[in-house]
Amino acid sequence: MSDILDIAHDMAKDLHEVGAMDDITMRVMDKLCIPDTPSFDAERIKQIRKKTRMSQTVFAKVLNVGGTTIAQWEQGKKNPSGPSARLLEVIDRKGIESII
């Protein structure tokens, strides 16, 4: 999430907590502030993993995927989706420490 969206979402949560924003409006804010799941090419996945200084095997365990999955992603044979893509996005933005 961008810094501006983070600030807007925090302000909305504060308003909701004090009763100045109803539940429906808060759900709309939540939806607006959640970024789309990004797509990753093979090179970007490899860069993210190397930034963590982990082997493919260890990185796979951290992401809770099969041992060969990281290799397939890095070779462009498969693409991460769903929770794996979201975790890669978080690791890319905030570092591996954010999920361990």
C-alpha atoms as a PDB file:
ATOM      1  CA  MET A   1       0.000   0.000   0.000  1.00  0.00           C
ATOM      2  CA  SER A   2       1.305   3.461  -0.759  1.00  0.00           C
ATOM      3  CA  ASP A   3       2.074   5.895   2.044  1.00  0.00           C
ATOM      4  CA  ILE A   4      -0.934   8.047   1.121  1.00  0.00           C
ATOM      5  CA  LEU A   5      -3.272   5.048   1.179  1.00  0.00           C
ATOM      6  CA  ASP A   6      -1.790   3.963   4.516  1.00  0.00           C
ATOM      7  CA  ILE A   7      -2.506   7.391   5.996  1.00  0.00           C
ATOM      8  CA  ALA A   8      -6.027   7.518   4.541  1.00  0.00           C
ATOM      9  CA  HIS A   9      -6.801   4.028   5.828  1.00  0.00           C
ATOM     10  CA  ASP A  10      -5.464   4.831   9.314  1.00  0.00           C
ATOM     11  CA  MET A  11      -7.589   7.979   9.424  1.00  0.00           C
ATOM     12  CA  ALA A  12     -10.661   6.007   8.333  1.00  0.00           C
ATOM     13  CA  LYS A  13     -10.026   3.389  11.046  1.00  0.00           C
ATOM     14  CA  ASP A  14      -9.780   6.156  13.654  1.00  0.00           C
ATOM     15  CA  LEU A  15     -13.025   7.718  12.446  1.00  0.00           C
ATOM     16  CA  HIS A  16     -14.720   4.312  12.498  1.00  0.00           C
ATOM     17  CA  GLU A  17     -13.514   3.607  16.032  1.00  0.00           C
ATOM     18  CA  VAL A  18     -15.021   6.839  17.392  1.00  0.00           C
ATOM     19  CA  GLY A  19     -18.287   6.281  15.529  1.00  0.00           C
ATOM     20  CA  ALA A  20     -17.818   9.010  12.908  1.00  0.00           C
ATOM     21  CA  MET A  21     -17.784   6.443  10.067  1.00  0.00           C
ATOM     22  CA  ASP A  22     -20.291   3.618   9.658  1.00  0.00           C
ATOM     23  CA  ASP A  23     -19.421  -0.033   8.963  1.00  0.00           C
ATOM     24  CA  ILE A  24     -20.414   0.118   5.294  1.00  0.00           C
ATOM     25  CA  THR A  25     -18.177   3.106   4.595  1.00  0.00           C
ATOM     26  CA  MET A  26     -15.317   1.420   6.458  1.00  0.00           C
ATOM     27  CA  ARG A  27     -15.696  -1.715   4.305  1.00  0.00           C
ATOM     28  CA  VAL A  28     -15.538   0.460   1.190  1.00  0.00           C
ATOM     29  CA  MET A  29     -12.348   2.110   2.521  1.00  0.00           C
ATOM     30  CA  ASP A  30     -10.847  -1.297   3.271  1.00  0.00           C
ATOM     31  CA  LYS A  31     -11.566  -2.429  -0.278  1.00  0.00           C
ATOM     32  CA  LEU A  32     -10.165   0.749  -1.821  1.00  0.00           C
ATOM     33  CA  CYS A  33      -6.950   0.568   0.178  1.00  0.00           C
ATOM     34  CA  ILE A  34      -6.065  -3.057  -0.544  1.00  0.00           C
ATOM     35  CA  PRO A  35      -3.718  -3.114  -3.533  1.00  0.00           C
ATOM     36  CA  ASP A  36      -4.198  -5.605  -6.353  1.00  0.00           C
ATOM     37  CA  THR A  37      -2.047  -8.699  -6.215  1.00  0.00           C
ATOM     38  CA  PRO A  38       0.979  -7.939  -8.367  1.00  0.00           C
ATOM     39  CA  SER A  39       2.378 -10.230 -11.024  1.00  0.00           C
ATOM     40  CA  PHE A  40       6.004 -11.320 -10.934  1.00  0.00           C
ATOM     41  CA  ASP A  41       8.320 -12.329 -13.732  1.00  0.00           C
ATOM     42  CA  ALA A  42      11.111 -14.870 -13.279  1.00  0.00           C
ATOM     43  CA  GLU A  43      13.871 -12.275 -12.842  1.00  0.00           C
ATOM     44  CA  ARG A  44      11.976 -10.303 -10.193  1.00  0.00           C
ATOM     45  CA  ILE A  45      11.310 -13.461  -8.172  1.00  0.00           C
ATOM     46  CA  LYS A  46      14.994 -14.347  -8.319  1.00  0.00           C
ATOM     47  CA  GLN A  47      15.940 -10.814  -7.169  1.00  0.00           C
ATOM     48  CA  ILE A  48      13.505 -10.986  -4.241  1.00  0.00           C
ATOM     49  CA  ARG A  49      14.860 -14.372  -3.149  1.00  0.00           C
ATOM     50  CA  LYS A  50      18.496 -13.291  -3.487  1.00  0.00           C
ATOM     51  CA  LYS A  51      17.743 -10.183  -1.424  1.00  0.00           C
ATOM     52  CA  THR A  52      16.653 -12.536   1.386  1.00  0.00           C
ATOM     53  CA  ARG A  53      19.945 -14.464   1.047  1.00  0.00           C
ATOM     54  CA  MET A  54      18.044 -17.761   1.088  1.00  0.00           C
ATOM     55  CA  SER A  55      18.407 -20.849  -1.031  1.00  0.00           C
ATOM     56  CA  GLN A  56      15.481 -21.888  -3.188  1.00  0.00           C
ATOM     57  CA  THR A  57      14.701 -24.702  -0.744  1.00  0.00           C
ATOM     58  CA  VAL A  58      14.607 -22.458   2.326  1.00  0.00           C
ATOM     59  CA  PHE A  59      12.649 -19.758   0.480  1.00  0.00           C
ATOM     60  CA  ALA A  60      10.104 -22.407  -0.572  1.00  0.00           C
ATOM     61  CA  LYS A  61       9.663 -23.477   3.050  1.00  0.00           C
ATOM     62  CA  VAL A  62       9.136 -19.870   4.152  1.00  0.00           C
ATOM     63  CA  LEU A  63       6.482 -19.386   1.457  1.00  0.00           C
ATOM     64  CA  ASN A  64       4.978 -22.809   2.215  1.00  0.00           C
ATOM     65  CA  VAL A  65       5.300 -24.045  -1.368  1.00  0.00           C
ATOM     66  CA  GLY A  66       6.852 -27.175  -2.840  1.00  0.00           C
ATOM     67  CA  GLY A  67      10.600 -27.491  -3.169  1.00  0.00           C
ATOM     68  CA  THR A  68      10.652 -27.242  -6.964  1.00  0.00           C
ATOM     69  CA  THR A  69       8.134 -24.403  -7.152  1.00  0.00           C
ATOM     70  CA  ILE A  70      10.675 -21.613  -6.616  1.00  0.00           C
ATOM     71  CA  ALA A  71      12.904 -23.049  -9.358  1.00  0.00           C
ATOM     72  CA  GLN A  72       9.933 -23.191 -11.730  1.00  0.00           C
ATOM     73  CA  TRP A  73       9.028 -19.579 -10.906  1.00  0.00           C
ATOM     74  CA  GLU A  74      12.610 -18.429 -11.448  1.00  0.00           C
ATOM     75  CA  GLN A  75      12.759 -20.260 -14.787  1.00  0.00           C
ATOM     76  CA  GLY A  76       9.467 -18.725 -15.913  1.00  0.00           C
ATOM     77  CA  LYS A  77       7.755 -22.119 -16.155  1.00  0.00           C
ATOM     78  CA  LYS A  78       5.127 -21.190 -13.564  1.00  0.00           C
ATOM     79  CA  ASN A  79       3.893 -17.982 -11.967  1.00  0.00           C
ATOM     80  CA  PRO A  80       3.025 -17.384  -8.327  1.00  0.00           C
ATOM     81  CA  SER A  81      -0.584 -16.536  -7.614  1.00  0.00           C
ATOM     82  CA  GLY A  82      -2.896 -15.928  -4.692  1.00  0.00           C
ATOM     83  CA  PRO A  83      -1.244 -16.045  -1.265  1.00  0.00           C
ATOM     84  CA  SER A  84       2.213 -16.741  -2.715  1.00  0.00           C
ATOM     85  CA  ALA A  85       2.111 -13.631  -4.887  1.00  0.00           C
ATOM     86  CA  ARG A  86       0.907 -11.541  -1.936  1.00  0.00           C
ATOM     87  CA  LEU A  87       3.723 -12.878   0.277  1.00  0.00           C
ATOM     88  CA  LEU A  88       6.297 -12.115  -2.423  1.00  0.00           C
ATOM     89  CA  GLU A  89       4.930  -8.584  -2.656  1.00  0.00           C
ATOM     90  CA  VAL A  90       5.205  -8.108   1.124  1.00  0.00           C
ATOM     91  CA  ILE A  91       8.740  -9.545   1.184  1.00  0.00           C
ATOM     92  CA  ASP A  92       9.725  -7.279  -1.696  1.00  0.00           C
ATOM     93  CA  ARG A  93       8.378  -4.161   0.058  1.00  0.00           C
ATOM     94  CA  LYS A  94       9.156  -4.870   3.714  1.00  0.00           C
ATOM     95  CA  GLY A  95      11.805  -7.581   3.755  1.00  0.00           C
ATOM     96  CA  ILE A  96      11.695 -11.210   4.825  1.00  0.00           C
ATOM     97  CA  GLU A  97      11.561 -10.146   8.490  1.00  0.00           C
ATOM     98  CA  SER A  98       7.990  -8.981   7.961  1.00  0.00           C
ATOM     99  CA  ILE A  99       6.697 -12.556   7.595  1.00  0.00           C
ATOM    100  CA  ILE A 100       9.077 -14.574   9.768  1.00  0.00           C
END
